[in-house]
């Protein structure tokens, strides 16, 4: 950019990008420069990705009443494949989906388990969870997707 503005190569380099960082974009609709946050870029990328774009999270619980909280990546909500590999059949466990204010529209959480979890709770703080399984069989799986319009995590596989 050399039209009286700041030259991009003169800016200080940033080592990491956080969800609250701002990025300049050109809005074709508004015909001007606007700003977006890292979280908005991550949500756009997740919604418009041609590949699964899932981050893998592993958990190998060895005791009943385990809790698996879906993590963010650098403070940004992403789609996650949670690979549970319990040491054997477990009586109970909880999976905590991203909460209100963190979950992004069309974010997906896929869960697989190598062993049976007899009593499974799937929850999310401040959001509705619909159709979540109450158990998972050995080698079973399910996927939850977040719908921002209804503020609901919905099971769709």
N, C-alpha and C. Protein backbone atom coordinates (compact mmCIF):
# COMPACT_ATOMS: atom_id res chain seq x y z
N UNK A 1 0.86 -1.17 0.00
CA UNK A 1 0.00 0.00 0.00
C UNK A 1 0.90 1.23 0.00
N UNK A 2 0.80 2.05 -0.98
CA UNK A 2 1.67 3.21 -1.07
C UNK A 2 0.87 4.43 -1.55
N UNK A 3 -0.30 4.63 -0.99
CA UNK A 3 -1.13 5.75 -1.37
C UNK A 3 -1.30 6.72 -0.21
N UNK A 4 -0.23 6.93 0.53
CA UNK A 4 -0.28 7.80 1.70
C UNK A 4 -0.57 7.04 2.98
N UNK A 5 -0.87 5.74 2.86
CA UNK A 5 -1.16 4.92 4.03
C UNK A 5 0.10 4.27 4.56
N UNK A 6 -0.04 3.35 5.48
CA UNK A 6 1.09 2.64 6.07
C UNK A 6 1.52 1.52 5.13
N UNK A 7 2.81 1.39 4.93
CA UNK A 7 3.32 0.30 4.11
C UNK A 7 3.31 -0.98 4.94
N UNK A 8 2.79 -2.04 4.39
CA UNK A 8 2.63 -3.30 5.12
C UNK A 8 3.96 -3.84 5.61
N UNK A 9 5.04 -3.68 4.85
CA UNK A 9 6.33 -4.23 5.28
C UNK A 9 6.98 -3.38 6.36
N UNK A 10 6.40 -2.25 6.72
CA UNK A 10 6.92 -1.41 7.80
C UNK A 10 6.27 -1.73 9.14
N UNK A 11 5.24 -2.57 9.12
CA UNK A 11 4.53 -2.92 10.34
C UNK A 11 5.35 -3.91 11.18
N UNK A 12 5.17 -3.88 12.48
CA UNK A 12 5.82 -4.82 13.38
C UNK A 12 5.23 -6.22 13.14
N UNK A 13 6.08 -7.24 13.09
CA UNK A 13 5.63 -8.62 12.88
C UNK A 13 4.98 -9.14 14.16
N UNK A 14 4.00 -10.00 13.99
CA UNK A 14 3.29 -10.62 15.10
C UNK A 14 3.64 -12.10 15.12
N UNK A 15 4.07 -12.64 16.28
CA UNK A 15 4.46 -14.05 16.38
C UNK A 15 3.28 -15.00 16.45
N UNK A 16 2.24 -14.59 17.16
CA UNK A 16 1.05 -15.44 17.29
C UNK A 16 -0.19 -14.61 17.00
N UNK A 17 -1.24 -15.30 16.63
CA UNK A 17 -2.52 -14.64 16.35
C UNK A 17 -3.52 -15.11 17.39
N UNK A 18 -4.22 -14.17 18.01
CA UNK A 18 -5.23 -14.49 19.01
C UNK A 18 -6.60 -14.12 18.48
N UNK A 19 -7.66 -14.69 19.10
CA UNK A 19 -9.01 -14.48 18.60
C UNK A 19 -9.44 -13.02 18.61
N UNK A 20 -8.88 -12.20 19.49
CA UNK A 20 -9.25 -10.79 19.55
C UNK A 20 -8.43 -9.88 18.66
N UNK A 21 -7.38 -10.42 18.01
CA UNK A 21 -6.57 -9.61 17.11
C UNK A 21 -7.42 -9.13 15.95
N UNK A 22 -7.08 -7.97 15.39
CA UNK A 22 -7.84 -7.38 14.29
C UNK A 22 -7.07 -7.51 12.98
N UNK A 23 -7.82 -7.69 11.89
CA UNK A 23 -7.26 -7.80 10.55
C UNK A 23 -8.00 -6.85 9.63
N UNK A 24 -7.28 -6.15 8.75
CA UNK A 24 -7.98 -5.30 7.77
C UNK A 24 -8.46 -6.15 6.59
N UNK A 25 -9.64 -5.85 6.09
CA UNK A 25 -10.16 -6.50 4.89
C UNK A 25 -10.78 -5.45 3.99
N UNK A 26 -10.89 -5.74 2.72
CA UNK A 26 -11.60 -4.88 1.79
C UNK A 26 -12.99 -5.48 1.61
N UNK A 27 -14.03 -4.70 1.91
CA UNK A 27 -15.41 -5.15 1.76
C UNK A 27 -15.89 -4.80 0.36
N UNK A 28 -16.12 -5.83 -0.45
CA UNK A 28 -16.62 -5.61 -1.80
C UNK A 28 -18.00 -4.96 -1.76
N UNK A 29 -18.83 -5.38 -0.81
CA UNK A 29 -20.18 -4.84 -0.70
C UNK A 29 -20.17 -3.36 -0.31
N UNK A 30 -19.39 -3.02 0.71
CA UNK A 30 -19.36 -1.63 1.21
C UNK A 30 -18.38 -0.75 0.44
N UNK A 31 -17.50 -1.39 -0.34
CA UNK A 31 -16.49 -0.66 -1.12
C UNK A 31 -15.58 0.19 -0.23
N UNK A 32 -15.19 -0.38 0.91
CA UNK A 32 -14.22 0.29 1.77
C UNK A 32 -13.49 -0.76 2.62
N UNK A 33 -12.51 -0.29 3.38
CA UNK A 33 -11.75 -1.16 4.24
C UNK A 33 -12.43 -1.25 5.59
N UNK A 34 -12.56 -2.47 6.08
CA UNK A 34 -13.18 -2.75 7.39
C UNK A 34 -12.20 -3.58 8.22
N UNK A 35 -12.58 -3.90 9.46
CA UNK A 35 -11.75 -4.77 10.29
C UNK A 35 -12.57 -5.96 10.76
N UNK A 36 -11.90 -7.08 10.95
CA UNK A 36 -12.50 -8.28 11.51
C UNK A 36 -11.55 -8.84 12.56
N UNK A 37 -12.09 -9.65 13.47
CA UNK A 37 -11.26 -10.26 14.52
C UNK A 37 -10.77 -11.63 14.06
N UNK A 38 -9.78 -12.12 14.77
CA UNK A 38 -9.28 -13.46 14.51
C UNK A 38 -10.38 -14.50 14.66
N UNK A 39 -11.29 -14.31 15.64
CA UNK A 39 -12.39 -15.24 15.85
C UNK A 39 -13.33 -15.24 14.64
N UNK A 40 -13.58 -14.06 14.07
CA UNK A 40 -14.45 -13.98 12.89
C UNK A 40 -13.80 -14.65 11.69
N UNK A 41 -12.49 -14.50 11.56
CA UNK A 41 -11.77 -15.16 10.46
C UNK A 41 -11.81 -16.67 10.66
N UNK A 42 -11.62 -17.14 11.89
CA UNK A 42 -11.67 -18.58 12.17
C UNK A 42 -13.05 -19.14 11.86
N UNK A 43 -14.11 -18.41 12.24
CA UNK A 43 -15.47 -18.86 11.96
C UNK A 43 -15.72 -18.92 10.46
N UNK A 44 -15.25 -17.92 9.73
CA UNK A 44 -15.39 -17.90 8.28
C UNK A 44 -14.65 -19.08 7.66
N UNK A 45 -13.43 -19.31 8.11
CA UNK A 45 -12.62 -20.41 7.57
C UNK A 45 -13.28 -21.76 7.85
N UNK A 46 -13.82 -21.94 9.06
CA UNK A 46 -14.47 -23.20 9.42
C UNK A 46 -15.71 -23.42 8.56
N UNK A 47 -16.47 -22.36 8.33
CA UNK A 47 -17.71 -22.47 7.56
C UNK A 47 -17.46 -22.66 6.07
N UNK A 48 -16.30 -22.25 5.58
CA UNK A 48 -16.03 -22.28 4.15
C UNK A 48 -14.88 -23.19 3.77
N UNK A 49 -14.51 -24.09 4.67
CA UNK A 49 -13.40 -25.00 4.42
C UNK A 49 -13.85 -26.14 3.51
N UNK A 50 -13.00 -26.51 2.56
CA UNK A 50 -13.32 -27.60 1.65
C UNK A 50 -12.92 -28.96 2.24
N UNK A 51 -12.11 -28.97 3.28
CA UNK A 51 -11.74 -30.22 3.94
C UNK A 51 -12.39 -30.25 5.32
N UNK A 52 -12.21 -31.34 6.03
CA UNK A 52 -12.86 -31.44 7.33
C UNK A 52 -12.35 -30.37 8.29
N UNK A 53 -11.08 -30.01 8.22
CA UNK A 53 -10.54 -28.94 9.05
C UNK A 53 -10.63 -29.22 10.54
N UNK A 54 -10.78 -30.47 10.93
CA UNK A 54 -10.93 -30.79 12.34
C UNK A 54 -9.58 -30.94 13.02
N UNK A 55 -9.54 -30.47 14.24
CA UNK A 55 -8.38 -30.65 15.10
C UNK A 55 -8.66 -31.88 15.96
N UNK A 56 -7.68 -32.74 16.14
CA UNK A 56 -7.87 -33.95 16.94
C UNK A 56 -7.51 -33.69 18.39
N UNK A 57 -8.40 -34.13 19.27
CA UNK A 57 -8.17 -34.06 20.72
C UNK A 57 -8.27 -35.49 21.24
N UNK A 58 -7.27 -35.92 21.99
CA UNK A 58 -7.23 -37.29 22.50
C UNK A 58 -7.49 -37.32 24.00
N UNK A 59 -8.20 -38.35 24.43
CA UNK A 59 -8.38 -38.57 25.86
C UNK A 59 -8.45 -40.07 26.10
N UNK A 60 -7.64 -40.54 27.06
CA UNK A 60 -7.60 -41.96 27.41
C UNK A 60 -7.97 -42.11 28.89
N UNK A 61 -9.26 -41.95 29.22
CA UNK A 61 -9.65 -42.04 30.63
C UNK A 61 -9.48 -43.46 31.17
N UNK A 62 -9.02 -43.54 32.41
CA UNK A 62 -8.83 -44.85 33.04
C UNK A 62 -9.78 -45.06 34.21
N UNK A 63 -10.57 -44.04 34.52
CA UNK A 63 -11.51 -44.15 35.64
C UNK A 63 -12.87 -43.59 35.23
N UNK A 64 -13.91 -44.13 35.83
CA UNK A 64 -15.25 -43.66 35.56
C UNK A 64 -15.40 -42.21 36.02
N UNK A 65 -16.42 -41.55 35.56
CA UNK A 65 -16.70 -40.15 35.87
C UNK A 65 -15.67 -39.21 35.24
N UNK A 66 -15.10 -39.60 34.10
CA UNK A 66 -14.15 -38.73 33.41
C UNK A 66 -14.88 -37.52 32.83
N UNK A 67 -14.13 -36.46 32.56
CA UNK A 67 -14.68 -35.27 31.91
C UNK A 67 -13.77 -34.88 30.76
N UNK A 68 -14.35 -34.72 29.57
CA UNK A 68 -13.62 -34.28 28.38
C UNK A 68 -14.17 -32.92 27.98
N UNK A 69 -13.36 -31.88 28.15
CA UNK A 69 -13.77 -30.53 27.77
C UNK A 69 -13.15 -30.22 26.42
N UNK A 70 -13.99 -29.85 25.45
CA UNK A 70 -13.50 -29.55 24.11
C UNK A 70 -12.66 -28.27 24.17
N UNK A 71 -11.45 -28.37 23.65
CA UNK A 71 -10.49 -27.27 23.73
C UNK A 71 -10.62 -26.31 22.55
N UNK A 72 -10.11 -25.10 22.74
CA UNK A 72 -9.96 -24.14 21.64
C UNK A 72 -8.51 -24.21 21.16
N UNK A 73 -8.24 -23.62 20.02
CA UNK A 73 -6.87 -23.54 19.51
C UNK A 73 -6.48 -22.07 19.49
N UNK A 74 -5.52 -21.72 20.33
CA UNK A 74 -5.09 -20.31 20.48
C UNK A 74 -6.28 -19.41 20.79
N UNK A 75 -7.19 -19.91 21.62
CA UNK A 75 -8.35 -19.11 22.02
C UNK A 75 -9.47 -19.05 21.00
N UNK A 76 -9.34 -19.79 19.90
CA UNK A 76 -10.34 -19.77 18.84
C UNK A 76 -11.07 -21.11 18.80
N UNK A 77 -12.40 -21.05 18.73
CA UNK A 77 -13.19 -22.27 18.63
C UNK A 77 -13.00 -22.88 17.25
N UNK A 78 -12.75 -24.18 17.20
CA UNK A 78 -12.57 -24.91 15.95
C UNK A 78 -13.36 -26.21 16.02
N UNK A 79 -13.56 -26.84 14.87
CA UNK A 79 -14.19 -28.15 14.86
C UNK A 79 -13.18 -29.16 15.38
N UNK A 80 -13.67 -30.13 16.16
CA UNK A 80 -12.79 -31.06 16.87
C UNK A 80 -13.26 -32.50 16.68
N UNK A 81 -12.30 -33.39 16.48
CA UNK A 81 -12.56 -34.82 16.57
C UNK A 81 -12.00 -35.25 17.92
N UNK A 82 -12.90 -35.67 18.81
CA UNK A 82 -12.51 -36.16 20.13
C UNK A 82 -12.38 -37.67 20.05
N UNK A 83 -11.15 -38.16 20.20
CA UNK A 83 -10.88 -39.59 20.14
C UNK A 83 -10.74 -40.12 21.57
N UNK A 84 -11.78 -40.81 22.03
CA UNK A 84 -11.76 -41.40 23.38
C UNK A 84 -11.22 -42.83 23.28
N UNK A 85 -10.23 -43.13 24.11
CA UNK A 85 -9.69 -44.49 24.16
C UNK A 85 -9.62 -44.93 25.62
N UNK A 86 -10.79 -45.17 26.23
CA UNK A 86 -10.79 -45.62 27.63
C UNK A 86 -10.05 -46.95 27.77
N UNK A 87 -9.55 -47.20 28.97
CA UNK A 87 -8.81 -48.44 29.22
C UNK A 87 -9.73 -49.65 29.28
N UNK A 88 -11.01 -49.43 29.35
CA UNK A 88 -12.02 -50.51 29.38
C UNK A 88 -13.39 -49.85 29.45
N UNK A 89 -14.43 -50.66 29.62
CA UNK A 89 -15.78 -50.12 29.76
C UNK A 89 -15.83 -49.22 30.99
N UNK A 90 -16.41 -48.03 30.83
CA UNK A 90 -16.54 -47.10 31.95
C UNK A 90 -18.03 -46.86 32.24
N UNK A 91 -18.36 -46.72 33.52
CA UNK A 91 -19.75 -46.53 33.92
C UNK A 91 -20.28 -45.16 33.54
N UNK A 92 -19.43 -44.12 33.59
CA UNK A 92 -19.94 -42.76 33.34
C UNK A 92 -18.85 -41.85 32.81
N UNK A 93 -19.29 -40.85 32.05
CA UNK A 93 -18.36 -39.84 31.56
C UNK A 93 -19.14 -38.64 31.05
N UNK A 94 -18.46 -37.51 30.96
CA UNK A 94 -19.08 -36.26 30.50
C UNK A 94 -18.23 -35.63 29.41
N UNK A 95 -18.90 -35.15 28.37
CA UNK A 95 -18.24 -34.38 27.32
C UNK A 95 -18.83 -32.98 27.39
N UNK A 96 -17.95 -31.98 27.55
CA UNK A 96 -18.38 -30.59 27.65
C UNK A 96 -18.07 -29.88 26.34
N UNK A 97 -19.15 -29.52 25.63
CA UNK A 97 -19.02 -28.81 24.36
C UNK A 97 -18.72 -27.34 24.61
N UNK A 98 -18.19 -26.64 23.61
CA UNK A 98 -17.90 -25.20 23.78
C UNK A 98 -19.15 -24.44 24.24
N UNK A 99 -18.97 -23.47 25.15
CA UNK A 99 -20.10 -22.75 25.74
C UNK A 99 -20.56 -21.56 24.90
N UNK A 100 -21.61 -20.91 25.36
CA UNK A 100 -22.10 -19.68 24.76
C UNK A 100 -20.96 -18.67 24.76
N UNK A 101 -20.84 -17.93 23.69
CA UNK A 101 -19.78 -16.94 23.58
C UNK A 101 -18.49 -17.49 23.00
N UNK A 102 -18.36 -18.80 22.94
CA UNK A 102 -17.19 -19.45 22.38
C UNK A 102 -17.54 -20.24 21.12
N UNK A 103 -18.65 -20.97 21.16
CA UNK A 103 -19.07 -21.79 20.02
C UNK A 103 -19.34 -20.90 18.81
N UNK A 104 -18.99 -21.41 17.62
CA UNK A 104 -19.23 -20.66 16.38
C UNK A 104 -20.18 -21.43 15.47
N UNK A 105 -20.96 -20.70 14.70
CA UNK A 105 -21.95 -21.30 13.83
C UNK A 105 -21.34 -22.38 12.94
N UNK A 106 -22.00 -23.53 12.89
CA UNK A 106 -21.61 -24.70 12.09
C UNK A 106 -20.35 -25.40 12.60
N UNK A 107 -19.90 -25.05 13.78
CA UNK A 107 -18.77 -25.77 14.40
C UNK A 107 -19.22 -27.20 14.67
N UNK A 108 -18.35 -28.16 14.42
CA UNK A 108 -18.68 -29.57 14.64
C UNK A 108 -17.75 -30.20 15.66
N UNK A 109 -18.34 -31.08 16.46
CA UNK A 109 -17.58 -31.90 17.41
C UNK A 109 -17.93 -33.35 17.11
N UNK A 110 -16.95 -34.10 16.59
CA UNK A 110 -17.13 -35.52 16.30
C UNK A 110 -16.48 -36.32 17.43
N UNK A 111 -17.18 -37.33 17.91
CA UNK A 111 -16.68 -38.13 19.03
C UNK A 111 -16.65 -39.59 18.62
N UNK A 112 -15.52 -40.25 18.88
CA UNK A 112 -15.42 -41.70 18.70
C UNK A 112 -14.91 -42.29 20.02
N UNK A 113 -15.30 -43.53 20.27
CA UNK A 113 -14.83 -44.20 21.49
C UNK A 113 -14.48 -45.64 21.18
N UNK A 114 -13.34 -46.06 21.67
CA UNK A 114 -12.89 -47.44 21.45
C UNK A 114 -13.55 -48.41 22.43
N UNK A 115 -14.12 -47.88 23.52
CA UNK A 115 -14.76 -48.70 24.55
C UNK A 115 -16.15 -48.13 24.89
N UNK A 116 -16.96 -48.92 25.54
CA UNK A 116 -18.30 -48.49 25.95
C UNK A 116 -18.22 -47.53 27.13
N UNK A 117 -19.03 -46.48 27.05
CA UNK A 117 -19.28 -45.60 28.19
C UNK A 117 -20.77 -45.74 28.45
N UNK A 118 -21.12 -46.39 29.56
CA UNK A 118 -22.49 -46.78 29.84
C UNK A 118 -23.42 -45.58 30.04
N UNK A 119 -22.98 -44.60 30.78
CA UNK A 119 -23.79 -43.40 31.03
C UNK A 119 -22.99 -42.18 30.58
N UNK A 120 -23.42 -41.56 29.48
CA UNK A 120 -22.70 -40.44 28.89
C UNK A 120 -23.54 -39.17 29.00
N UNK A 121 -22.91 -38.11 29.47
CA UNK A 121 -23.56 -36.79 29.53
C UNK A 121 -22.83 -35.88 28.55
N UNK A 122 -23.59 -35.19 27.71
CA UNK A 122 -23.04 -34.19 26.79
C UNK A 122 -23.68 -32.86 27.15
N UNK A 123 -22.86 -31.87 27.52
CA UNK A 123 -23.40 -30.60 28.00
C UNK A 123 -22.67 -29.42 27.39
N UNK A 124 -23.25 -28.23 27.59
CA UNK A 124 -22.63 -26.98 27.14
C UNK A 124 -23.20 -25.86 28.00
N UNK A 125 -22.34 -25.05 28.59
CA UNK A 125 -22.77 -23.96 29.45
C UNK A 125 -23.45 -22.86 28.64
N UNK A 126 -24.71 -22.56 28.98
CA UNK A 126 -25.44 -21.47 28.34
C UNK A 126 -26.05 -21.80 27.00
N UNK A 127 -25.91 -23.04 26.53
CA UNK A 127 -26.48 -23.43 25.24
C UNK A 127 -27.31 -24.70 25.41
N UNK A 128 -28.29 -24.87 24.52
CA UNK A 128 -29.10 -26.08 24.51
C UNK A 128 -28.36 -27.18 23.76
N UNK A 129 -28.48 -28.41 24.25
CA UNK A 129 -27.91 -29.58 23.58
C UNK A 129 -29.08 -30.50 23.25
N UNK A 130 -29.26 -30.80 21.95
CA UNK A 130 -30.40 -31.59 21.50
C UNK A 130 -29.94 -32.88 20.84
N UNK A 131 -30.53 -34.00 21.27
CA UNK A 131 -30.28 -35.28 20.62
C UNK A 131 -28.98 -35.95 20.98
N UNK A 132 -28.28 -35.46 21.97
CA UNK A 132 -27.00 -36.07 22.36
C UNK A 132 -27.25 -37.47 22.91
N UNK A 133 -26.35 -38.40 22.60
CA UNK A 133 -26.52 -39.77 23.12
C UNK A 133 -26.30 -39.81 24.62
N UNK A 134 -26.92 -40.78 25.26
CA UNK A 134 -26.75 -40.97 26.70
C UNK A 134 -25.83 -42.14 27.01
N UNK A 135 -25.33 -42.78 25.97
CA UNK A 135 -24.36 -43.86 26.08
C UNK A 135 -23.60 -43.91 24.76
N UNK A 136 -22.45 -44.54 24.78
CA UNK A 136 -21.71 -44.77 23.53
C UNK A 136 -21.13 -46.18 23.59
N UNK A 137 -21.34 -46.94 22.54
CA UNK A 137 -20.85 -48.32 22.47
C UNK A 137 -19.39 -48.35 22.07
N UNK A 138 -18.75 -49.47 22.30
CA UNK A 138 -17.38 -49.66 21.83
C UNK A 138 -17.35 -49.46 20.32
N UNK A 139 -16.39 -48.68 19.86
CA UNK A 139 -16.25 -48.33 18.44
C UNK A 139 -17.42 -47.51 17.90
N UNK A 140 -18.14 -46.86 18.81
CA UNK A 140 -19.26 -46.00 18.42
C UNK A 140 -18.81 -44.58 18.14
N UNK A 141 -19.71 -43.80 17.53
CA UNK A 141 -19.39 -42.41 17.22
C UNK A 141 -20.66 -41.59 17.11
N UNK A 142 -20.50 -40.27 17.22
CA UNK A 142 -21.58 -39.33 16.97
C UNK A 142 -20.95 -37.97 16.70
N UNK A 143 -21.73 -37.09 16.09
CA UNK A 143 -21.26 -35.74 15.77
C UNK A 143 -22.32 -34.73 16.19
N UNK A 144 -21.86 -33.66 16.82
CA UNK A 144 -22.72 -32.54 17.20
C UNK A 144 -22.33 -31.34 16.36
N UNK A 145 -23.31 -30.54 15.95
CA UNK A 145 -23.04 -29.31 15.19
C UNK A 145 -23.77 -28.15 15.88
N UNK A 146 -23.07 -27.01 15.97
CA UNK A 146 -23.66 -25.84 16.61
C UNK A 146 -24.43 -24.99 15.60
N UNK A 147 -25.65 -24.63 15.96
CA UNK A 147 -26.48 -23.73 15.16
C UNK A 147 -26.64 -22.43 15.94
N UNK A 148 -26.00 -21.36 15.44
CA UNK A 148 -26.00 -20.07 16.14
C UNK A 148 -27.39 -19.44 16.18
N UNK A 149 -28.20 -19.67 15.16
CA UNK A 149 -29.54 -19.07 15.11
C UNK A 149 -30.39 -19.52 16.28
N UNK A 150 -30.29 -20.80 16.64
CA UNK A 150 -31.10 -21.33 17.75
C UNK A 150 -30.30 -21.51 19.04
N UNK A 151 -29.01 -21.17 19.00
CA UNK A 151 -28.11 -21.36 20.16
C UNK A 151 -28.16 -22.79 20.67
N UNK A 152 -28.08 -23.74 19.72
CA UNK A 152 -28.25 -25.15 20.06
C UNK A 152 -27.17 -26.02 19.42
N UNK A 153 -26.64 -26.94 20.22
CA UNK A 153 -25.81 -28.02 19.71
C UNK A 153 -26.77 -29.14 19.31
N UNK A 154 -26.71 -29.57 18.05
CA UNK A 154 -27.64 -30.56 17.52
C UNK A 154 -26.87 -31.77 17.03
N UNK A 155 -27.35 -32.96 17.43
CA UNK A 155 -26.73 -34.19 16.92
C UNK A 155 -27.20 -34.41 15.48
N UNK A 156 -26.25 -34.64 14.60
CA UNK A 156 -26.67 -34.90 13.22
C UNK A 156 -26.05 -36.16 12.63
N UNK A 157 -25.25 -36.89 13.36
CA UNK A 157 -24.74 -38.20 12.93
C UNK A 157 -24.61 -39.08 14.15
